[in-house]
Amino acid sequence: MPPLEPMARGRPVISTRAQAIREVLADAAFFVPFRDPGAIADAAESLLRQPSLRADLAARGLEHAAQFSWEKAAEATLAVYRELTG
């Protein structure tokens, strides 16, 4: 959920390509290789220099983050508990 917080506020997100995070963020983030400070710096520079890229990621992030909520997470967790307990 932490990377979704800036998305929900209209901020572009730079994230690593870790599989679980990539699944959550879908195509709404700027992905860089894991543990590559140079790639993070390059991504940040790209976002600073390209307002259209920054705006596109911000818009996609807002739309994507709207699919998630703590209420939905709680409901899904409760459904799993109910399924496991019969």
PDB file of N, CA and C in Angstrom:
ATOM      1  N   MET A   1       0.789  -1.207   0.000  1.00  0.00           N
ATOM      2  CA  MET A   1       0.000   0.000   0.000  1.00  0.00           C
ATOM      3  C   MET A   1       0.838   1.283   0.000  1.00  0.00           C
ATOM      4  N   PRO A   2       2.032   1.340   0.596  1.00  0.00           N
ATOM      5  CA  PRO A   2       2.764   2.615   0.626  1.00  0.00           C
ATOM      6  C   PRO A   2       2.968   3.279  -0.736  1.00  0.00           C
ATOM      7  N   PRO A   3       3.309   2.552  -1.809  1.00  0.00           N
ATOM      8  CA  PRO A   3       3.475   3.264  -3.082  1.00  0.00           C
ATOM      9  C   PRO A   3       2.167   3.823  -3.640  1.00  0.00           C
ATOM     10  N   LEU A   4       1.038   3.291  -3.178  1.00  0.00           N
ATOM     11  CA  LEU A   4      -0.246   3.795  -3.657  1.00  0.00           C
ATOM     12  C   LEU A   4      -0.598   5.144  -3.038  1.00  0.00           C
ATOM     13  N   GLU A   5      -0.032   5.448  -1.878  1.00  0.00           N
ATOM     14  CA  GLU A   5      -0.356   6.703  -1.198  1.00  0.00           C
ATOM     15  C   GLU A   5       0.005   7.934  -2.026  1.00  0.00           C
ATOM     16  N   PRO A   6       1.234   8.035  -2.567  1.00  0.00           N
ATOM     17  CA  PRO A   6       1.510   9.213  -3.405  1.00  0.00           C
ATOM     18  C   PRO A   6       0.678   9.203  -4.685  1.00  0.00           C
ATOM     19  N   MET A   7       0.405   8.009  -5.224  1.00  0.00           N
ATOM     20  CA  MET A   7      -0.440   7.934  -6.417  1.00  0.00           C
ATOM     21  C   MET A   7      -1.811   8.530  -6.136  1.00  0.00           C
ATOM     22  N   ALA A   8      -2.366   8.209  -4.978  1.00  0.00           N
ATOM     23  CA  ALA A   8      -3.695   8.702  -4.618  1.00  0.00           C
ATOM     24  C   ALA A   8      -3.710  10.214  -4.435  1.00  0.00           C
ATOM     25  N   ARG A   9      -2.531  10.812  -4.322  1.00  0.00           N
ATOM     26  CA  ARG A   9      -2.424  12.263  -4.175  1.00  0.00           C
ATOM     27  C   ARG A   9      -1.935  12.940  -5.455  1.00  0.00           C
ATOM     28  N   GLY A  10      -1.944  12.172  -6.548  1.00  0.00           N
ATOM     29  CA  GLY A  10      -1.581  12.742  -7.840  1.00  0.00           C
ATOM     30  C   GLY A  10      -0.095  12.940  -8.056  1.00  0.00           C
ATOM     31  N   ARG A  11       0.715  12.138  -7.377  1.00  0.00           N
ATOM     32  CA  ARG A  11       2.167  12.240  -7.522  1.00  0.00           C
ATOM     33  C   ARG A  11       2.687  11.063  -8.343  1.00  0.00           C
ATOM     34  N   PRO A  12       3.609  11.300  -9.261  1.00  0.00           N
ATOM     35  CA  PRO A  12       4.206  10.182  -9.993  1.00  0.00           C
ATOM     36  C   PRO A  12       5.069   9.347  -9.050  1.00  0.00           C
ATOM     37  N   VAL A  13       5.137   8.061  -9.313  1.00  0.00           N
ATOM     38  CA  VAL A  13       5.872   7.138  -8.446  1.00  0.00           C
ATOM     39  C   VAL A  13       7.004   6.482  -9.220  1.00  0.00           C
ATOM     40  N   ILE A  14       8.176   6.445  -8.601  1.00  0.00           N
ATOM     41  CA  ILE A  14       9.318   5.689  -9.106  1.00  0.00           C
ATOM     42  C   ILE A  14       9.449   4.476  -8.188  1.00  0.00           C
ATOM     43  N   SER A  15       9.517   3.305  -8.767  1.00  0.00           N
ATOM     44  CA  SER A  15       9.564   2.079  -7.966  1.00  0.00           C
ATOM     45  C   SER A  15      10.496   1.063  -8.604  1.00  0.00           C
ATOM     46  N   THR A  16      10.931   0.110  -7.783  1.00  0.00           N
ATOM     47  CA  THR A  16      11.734  -0.982  -8.330  1.00  0.00           C
ATOM     48  C   THR A  16      10.834  -1.957  -9.078  1.00  0.00           C
ATOM     49  N   ARG A  17      11.458  -2.851  -9.799  1.00  0.00           N
ATOM     50  CA  ARG A  17      10.719  -3.840 -10.586  1.00  0.00           C
ATOM     51  C   ARG A  17      10.406  -5.109  -9.790  1.00  0.00           C
ATOM     52  N   ALA A  18      10.462  -5.044  -8.482  1.00  0.00           N
ATOM     53  CA  ALA A  18      10.139  -6.216  -7.660  1.00  0.00           C
ATOM     54  C   ALA A  18       8.738  -6.702  -8.039  1.00  0.00           C
ATOM     55  N   GLN A  19       8.593  -7.999  -8.212  1.00  0.00           N
ATOM     56  CA  GLN A  19       7.364  -8.565  -8.754  1.00  0.00           C
ATOM     57  C   GLN A  19       6.112  -8.162  -7.985  1.00  0.00           C
ATOM     58  N   ALA A  20       6.121  -8.279  -6.675  1.00  0.00           N
ATOM     59  CA  ALA A  20       4.913  -7.961  -5.905  1.00  0.00           C
ATOM     60  C   ALA A  20       4.524  -6.497  -6.067  1.00  0.00           C
ATOM     61  N   ILE A  21       5.501  -5.617  -6.060  1.00  0.00           N
ATOM     62  CA  ILE A  21       5.202  -4.187  -6.223  1.00  0.00           C
ATOM     63  C   ILE A  21       4.709  -3.914  -7.635  1.00  0.00           C
ATOM     64  N   ARG A  22       5.324  -4.548  -8.597  1.00  0.00           N
ATOM     65  CA  ARG A  22       4.919  -4.350  -9.993  1.00  0.00           C
ATOM     66  C   ARG A  22       3.469  -4.784 -10.200  1.00  0.00           C
ATOM     67  N   GLU A  23       3.073  -5.867  -9.533  1.00  0.00           N
ATOM     68  CA  GLU A  23       1.686  -6.324  -9.633  1.00  0.00           C
ATOM     69  C   GLU A  23       0.725  -5.288  -9.066  1.00  0.00           C
ATOM     70  N   VAL A  24       1.099  -4.662  -7.970  1.00  0.00           N
ATOM     71  CA  VAL A  24       0.220  -3.667  -7.334  1.00  0.00           C
ATOM     72  C   VAL A  24       0.164  -2.374  -8.151  1.00  0.00           C
ATOM     73  N   LEU A  25       1.292  -1.935  -8.660  1.00  0.00           N
ATOM     74  CA  LEU A  25       1.347  -0.639  -9.340  1.00  0.00           C
ATOM     75  C   LEU A  25       0.982  -0.704 -10.821  1.00  0.00           C
ATOM     76  N   ALA A  26       0.975  -1.899 -11.393  1.00  0.00           N
ATOM     77  CA  ALA A  26       0.611  -2.102 -12.802  1.00  0.00           C
ATOM     78  C   ALA A  26       1.436  -1.190 -13.711  1.00  0.00           C
ATOM     79  N   ASP A  27       0.777  -0.430 -14.566  1.00  0.00           N
ATOM     80  CA  ASP A  27       1.502   0.440 -15.506  1.00  0.00           C
ATOM     81  C   ASP A  27       1.463   1.902 -15.080  1.00  0.00           C
ATOM     82  N   ALA A  28       1.237   2.133 -13.788  1.00  0.00           N
ATOM     83  CA  ALA A  28       1.049   3.501 -13.310  1.00  0.00           C
ATOM     84  C   ALA A  28       2.270   4.059 -12.584  1.00  0.00           C
ATOM     85  N   ALA A  29       3.431   3.440 -12.776  1.00  0.00           N
ATOM     86  CA  ALA A  29       4.650   3.920 -12.108  1.00  0.00           C
ATOM     87  C   ALA A  29       5.818   3.863 -13.082  1.00  0.00           C
ATOM     88  N   PHE A  30       6.873   4.576 -12.737  1.00  0.00           N
ATOM     89  CA  PHE A  30       8.131   4.548 -13.491  1.00  0.00           C
ATOM     90  C   PHE A  30       8.993   3.491 -12.801  1.00  0.00           C
ATOM     91  N   PHE A  31       9.255   2.377 -13.474  1.00  0.00           N
ATOM     92  CA  PHE A  31       9.984   1.270 -12.862  1.00  0.00           C
ATOM     93  C   PHE A  31      11.468   1.310 -13.199  1.00  0.00           C
ATOM     94  N   VAL A  32      12.280   1.022 -12.185  1.00  0.00           N
ATOM     95  CA  VAL A  32      13.734   0.985 -12.327  1.00  0.00           C
ATOM     96  C   VAL A  32      14.250  -0.338 -11.752  1.00  0.00           C
ATOM     97  N   PRO A  33      15.448  -0.750 -12.140  1.00  0.00           N
ATOM     98  CA  PRO A  33      16.023  -1.974 -11.580  1.00  0.00           C
ATOM     99  C   PRO A  33      16.240  -1.855 -10.068  1.00  0.00           C
ATOM    100  N   PHE A  34      16.131  -2.970  -9.390  1.00  0.00           N
ATOM    101  CA  PHE A  34      16.335  -3.044  -7.950  1.00  0.00           C
ATOM    102  C   PHE A  34      17.764  -2.663  -7.596  1.00  0.00           C
ATOM    103  N   ARG A  35      17.925  -1.873  -6.556  1.00  0.00           N
ATOM    104  CA  ARG A  35      19.234  -1.448  -6.041  1.00  0.00           C
ATOM    105  C   ARG A  35      20.122  -0.789  -7.104  1.00  0.00           C
ATOM    106  N   ASP A  36      19.541   0.118  -7.845  1.00  0.00           N
ATOM    107  CA  ASP A  36      20.300   0.837  -8.872  1.00  0.00           C
ATOM    108  C   ASP A  36      20.088   2.338  -8.682  1.00  0.00           C
ATOM    109  N   PRO A  37      20.909   2.953  -7.810  1.00  0.00           N
ATOM    110  CA  PRO A  37      20.736   4.380  -7.527  1.00  0.00           C
ATOM    111  C   PRO A  37      20.817   5.254  -8.777  1.00  0.00           C
ATOM    112  N   GLY A  38      21.655   4.871  -9.726  1.00  0.00           N
ATOM    113  CA  GLY A  38      21.761   5.647 -10.958  1.00  0.00           C
ATOM    114  C   GLY A  38      20.464   5.637 -11.741  1.00  0.00           C
ATOM    115  N   ALA A  39      19.787   4.498 -11.768  1.00  0.00           N
ATOM    116  CA  ALA A  39      18.511   4.404 -12.476  1.00  0.00           C
ATOM    117  C   ALA A  39      17.441   5.233 -11.781  1.00  0.00           C
ATOM    118  N   ILE A  40      17.479   5.251 -10.453  1.00  0.00           N
ATOM    119  CA  ILE A  40      16.519   6.077  -9.710  1.00  0.00           C
ATOM    120  C   ILE A  40      16.759   7.555 -10.027  1.00  0.00           C
ATOM    121  N   ALA A  41      18.011   7.959 -10.031  1.00  0.00           N
ATOM    122  CA  ALA A  41      18.353   9.348 -10.350  1.00  0.00           C
ATOM    123  C   ALA A  41      17.927   9.698 -11.774  1.00  0.00           C
ATOM    124  N   ASP A  42      18.176   8.794 -12.722  1.00  0.00           N
ATOM    125  CA  ASP A  42      17.773   9.035 -14.111  1.00  0.00           C
ATOM    126  C   ASP A  42      16.259   9.157 -14.233  1.00  0.00           C
ATOM    127  N   ALA A  43      15.534   8.304 -13.501  1.00  0.00           N
ATOM    128  CA  ALA A  43      14.074   8.359 -13.543  1.00  0.00           C
ATOM    129  C   ALA A  43      13.574   9.685 -12.975  1.00  0.00           C
ATOM    130  N   ALA A  44      14.152  10.108 -11.862  1.00  0.00           N
ATOM    131  CA  ALA A  44      13.756  11.380 -11.258  1.00  0.00           C
ATOM    132  C   ALA A  44      14.050  12.536 -12.212  1.00  0.00           C
ATOM    133  N   GLU A  45      15.201  12.490 -12.850  1.00  0.00           N
ATOM    134  CA  GLU A  45      15.547  13.544 -13.813  1.00  0.00           C
ATOM    135  C   GLU A  45      14.571  13.545 -14.985  1.00  0.00           C
ATOM    136  N   SER A  46      14.204  12.361 -15.468  1.00  0.00           N
ATOM    137  CA  SER A  46      13.227  12.267 -16.563  1.00  0.00           C
ATOM    138  C   SER A  46      11.904  12.897 -16.166  1.00  0.00           C
ATOM    139  N   LEU A  47      11.463  12.613 -14.949  1.00  0.00           N
ATOM    140  CA  LEU A  47      10.199  13.193 -14.493  1.00  0.00           C
ATOM    141  C   LEU A  47      10.296  14.709 -14.332  1.00  0.00           C
ATOM    142  N   LEU A  48      11.448  15.193 -13.894  1.00  0.00           N
ATOM    143  CA  LEU A  48      11.622  16.641 -13.737  1.00  0.00           C
ATOM    144  C   LEU A  48      11.691  17.352 -15.085  1.00  0.00           C
ATOM    145  N   ARG A  49      12.322  16.716 -16.057  1.00  0.00           N
ATOM    146  CA  ARG A  49      12.531  17.353 -17.362  1.00  0.00           C
ATOM    147  C   ARG A  49      11.370  17.161 -18.340  1.00  0.00           C
ATOM    148  N   GLN A  50      10.495  16.202 -18.046  1.00  0.00           N
ATOM    149  CA  GLN A  50       9.412  15.893 -18.984  1.00  0.00           C
ATOM    150  C   GLN A  50       8.052  16.069 -18.298  1.00  0.00           C
ATOM    151  N   PRO A  51       7.528  17.266 -18.323  1.00  0.00           N
ATOM    152  CA  PRO A  51       6.241  17.511 -17.675  1.00  0.00           C
ATOM    153  C   PRO A  51       5.121  16.608 -18.192  1.00  0.00           C
ATOM    154  N   SER A  52       5.156  16.257 -19.468  1.00  0.00           N
ATOM    155  CA  SER A  52       4.092  15.402 -20.012  1.00  0.00           C
ATOM    156  C   SER A  52       4.178  13.996 -19.422  1.00  0.00           C
ATOM    157  N   LEU A  53       5.387  13.479 -19.243  1.00  0.00           N
ATOM    158  CA  LEU A  53       5.559  12.163 -18.611  1.00  0.00           C
ATOM    159  C   LEU A  53       5.097  12.225 -17.162  1.00  0.00           C
ATOM    160  N   ARG A  54       5.482  13.268 -16.477  1.00  0.00           N
ATOM    161  CA  ARG A  54       5.091  13.451 -15.075  1.00  0.00           C
ATOM    162  C   ARG A  54       3.567  13.520 -14.957  1.00  0.00           C
ATOM    163  N   ALA A  55       2.926  14.278 -15.829  1.00  0.00           N
ATOM    164  CA  ALA A  55       1.465  14.424 -15.799  1.00  0.00           C
ATOM    165  C   ALA A  55       0.779  13.100 -16.148  1.00  0.00           C
ATOM    166  N   ASP A  56       1.332  12.386 -17.113  1.00  0.00           N
ATOM    167  CA  ASP A  56       0.747  11.103 -17.512  1.00  0.00           C
ATOM    168  C   ASP A  56       0.807  10.095 -16.363  1.00  0.00           C
ATOM    169  N   LEU A  57       1.966   9.992 -15.728  1.00  0.00           N
ATOM    170  CA  LEU A  57       2.091   9.060 -14.601  1.00  0.00           C
ATOM    171  C   LEU A  57       1.203   9.475 -13.438  1.00  0.00           C
ATOM    172  N   ALA A  58       1.110  10.764 -13.185  1.00  0.00           N
ATOM    173  CA  ALA A  58       0.250  11.247 -12.106  1.00  0.00           C
ATOM    174  C   ALA A  58      -1.209  10.886 -12.379  1.00  0.00           C
ATOM    175  N   ALA A  59      -1.657  11.083 -13.607  1.00  0.00           N
ATOM    176  CA  ALA A  59      -3.050  10.773 -13.965  1.00  0.00           C
ATOM    177  C   ALA A  59      -3.314   9.271 -13.885  1.00  0.00           C
ATOM    178  N   ARG A  60      -2.388   8.475 -14.444  1.00  0.00           N
ATOM    179  CA  ARG A  60      -2.564   7.018 -14.371  1.00  0.00           C
ATOM    180  C   ARG A  60      -2.541   6.543 -12.926  1.00  0.00           C
ATOM    181  N   GLY A  61      -1.673   7.159 -12.109  1.00  0.00           N
ATOM    182  CA  GLY A  61      -1.585   6.791 -10.706  1.00  0.00           C
ATOM    183  C   GLY A  61      -2.861   7.092  -9.951  1.00  0.00           C
ATOM    184  N   LEU A  62      -3.443   8.260 -10.171  1.00  0.00           N
ATOM    185  CA  LEU A  62      -4.711   8.611  -9.520  1.00  0.00           C
ATOM    186  C   LEU A  62      -5.798   7.602  -9.860  1.00  0.00           C
ATOM    187  N   GLU A  63      -5.904   7.286 -11.134  1.00  0.00           N
ATOM    188  CA  GLU A  63      -6.921   6.328 -11.586  1.00  0.00           C
ATOM    189  C   GLU A  63      -6.673   4.942 -10.989  1.00  0.00           C
ATOM    190  N   HIS A  64      -5.433   4.527 -11.007  1.00  0.00           N
ATOM    191  CA  HIS A  64      -5.092   3.195 -10.507  1.00  0.00           C
ATOM    192  C   HIS A  64      -5.299   3.094  -8.996  1.00  0.00           C
ATOM    193  N   ALA A  65      -4.863   4.090  -8.258  1.00  0.00           N
ATOM    194  CA  ALA A  65      -4.976   4.060  -6.796  1.00  0.00           C
ATOM    195  C   ALA A  65      -6.426   4.039  -6.341  1.00  0.00           C
ATOM    196  N   ALA A  66      -7.319   4.579  -7.154  1.00  0.00           N
ATOM    197  CA  ALA A  66      -8.739   4.602  -6.786  1.00  0.00           C
ATOM    198  C   ALA A  66      -9.327   3.197  -6.669  1.00  0.00           C
ATOM    199  N   GLN A  67      -8.650   2.213  -7.237  1.00  0.00           N
ATOM    200  CA  GLN A  67      -9.133   0.830  -7.169  1.00  0.00           C
ATOM    201  C   GLN A  67      -8.868   0.201  -5.800  1.00  0.00           C
ATOM    202  N   PHE A  68      -8.050   0.840  -4.989  1.00  0.00           N
ATOM    203  CA  PHE A  68      -7.633   0.278  -3.705  1.00  0.00           C
ATOM    204  C   PHE A  68      -8.185   1.114  -2.556  1.00  0.00           C
ATOM    205  N   SER A  69      -8.500   0.433  -1.459  1.00  0.00           N
ATOM    206  CA  SER A  69      -8.894   1.130  -0.238  1.00  0.00           C
ATOM    207  C   SER A  69      -8.660   0.187   0.933  1.00  0.00           C
ATOM    208  N   TRP A  70      -8.571   0.774   2.114  1.00  0.00           N
ATOM    209  CA  TRP A  70      -8.416  -0.066   3.303  1.00  0.00           C
ATOM    210  C   TRP A  70      -9.672  -0.893   3.517  1.00  0.00           C
ATOM    211  N   GLU A  71     -10.822  -0.340   3.167  1.00  0.00           N
ATOM    212  CA  GLU A  71     -12.074  -1.090   3.312  1.00  0.00           C
ATOM    213  C   GLU A  71     -12.067  -2.342   2.430  1.00  0.00           C
ATOM    214  N   LYS A  72     -11.638  -2.185   1.175  1.00  0.00           N
ATOM    215  CA  LYS A  72     -11.565  -3.342   0.280  1.00  0.00           C
ATOM    216  C   LYS A  72     -10.555  -4.365   0.791  1.00  0.00           C
ATOM    217  N   ALA A  73      -9.431  -3.895   1.308  1.00  0.00           N
ATOM    218  CA  ALA A  73      -8.423  -4.806   1.848  1.00  0.00           C
ATOM    219  C   ALA A  73      -8.982  -5.575   3.039  1.00  0.00           C
ATOM    220  N   ALA A  74      -9.714  -4.893   3.917  1.00  0.00           N
ATOM    221  CA  ALA A  74     -10.309  -5.560   5.079  1.00  0.00           C
ATOM    222  C   ALA A  74     -11.360  -6.578   4.640  1.00  0.00           C
ATOM    223  N   GLU A  75     -12.177  -6.219   3.660  1.00  0.00           N
ATOM    224  CA  GLU A  75     -13.196  -7.144   3.159  1.00  0.00           C
ATOM    225  C   GLU A  75     -12.555  -8.386   2.550  1.00  0.00           C
ATOM    226  N   ALA A  76     -11.491  -8.203   1.782  1.00  0.00           N
ATOM    227  CA  ALA A  76     -10.805  -9.341   1.174  1.00  0.00           C
ATOM    228  C   ALA A  76     -10.172 -10.232   2.236  1.00  0.00           C
ATOM    229  N   THR A  77      -9.588  -9.630   3.250  1.00  0.00           N
ATOM    230  CA  THR A  77      -8.986 -10.402   4.346  1.00  0.00           C
ATOM    231  C   THR A  77     -10.056 -11.189   5.083  1.00  0.00           C
ATOM    232  N   LEU A  78     -11.173 -10.559   5.370  1.00  0.00           N
ATOM    233  CA  LEU A  78     -12.267 -11.240   6.057  1.00  0.00           C
ATOM    234  C   LEU A  78     -12.811 -12.399   5.216  1.00  0.00           C
ATOM    235  N   ALA A  79     -12.884 -12.211   3.916  1.00  0.00           N
ATOM    236  CA  ALA A  79     -13.350 -13.287   3.026  1.00  0.00           C
ATOM    237  C   ALA A  79     -12.406 -14.491   3.094  1.00  0.00           C
ATOM    238  N   VAL A  80     -11.120 -14.234   3.137  1.00  0.00           N
ATOM    239  CA  VAL A  80     -10.150 -15.336   3.251  1.00  0.00           C
ATOM    240  C   VAL A  80     -10.328 -16.055   4.581  1.00  0.00           C
ATOM    241  N   TYR A  81     -10.482 -15.293   5.664  1.00  0.00           N
ATOM    242  CA  TYR A  81     -10.684 -15.908   6.984  1.00  0.00           C
ATOM    243  C   TYR A  81     -11.937 -16.769   7.003  1.00  0.00           C
ATOM    244  N   ARG A  82     -13.007 -16.258   6.409  1.00  0.00           N
ATOM    245  CA  ARG A  82     -14.265 -17.015   6.364  1.00  0.00           C
ATOM    246  C   ARG A  82     -14.102 -18.300   5.555  1.00  0.00           C
ATOM    247  N   GLU A  83     -13.394 -18.201   4.451  1.00  0.00           N
ATOM    248  CA  GLU A  83     -13.168 -19.385   3.605  1.00  0.00           C
ATOM    249  C   GLU A  83     -12.343 -20.420   4.358  1.00  0.00           C
ATOM    250  N   LEU A  84     -11.337 -19.980   5.076  1.00  0.00           N
ATOM    251  CA  LEU A  84     -10.463 -20.909   5.806  1.00  0.00           C
ATOM    252  C   LEU A  84     -11.146 -21.569   7.001  1.00  0.00           C
ATOM    253  N   THR A  85     -12.083 -20.836   7.589  1.00  0.00           N
ATOM    254  CA  THR A  85     -12.753 -21.391   8.770  1.00  0.00           C
ATOM    255  C   THR A  85     -14.048 -22.116   8.425  1.00  0.00           C
ATOM    256  N   GLY A  86     -14.399 -22.100   7.160  1.00  0.00           N
ATOM    257  CA  GLY A  86     -15.568 -22.850   6.709  1.00  0.00           C
ATOM    258  C   GLY A  86     -16.839 -22.170   7.052  1.00  0.00           C
TER     259      GLY A  86
END
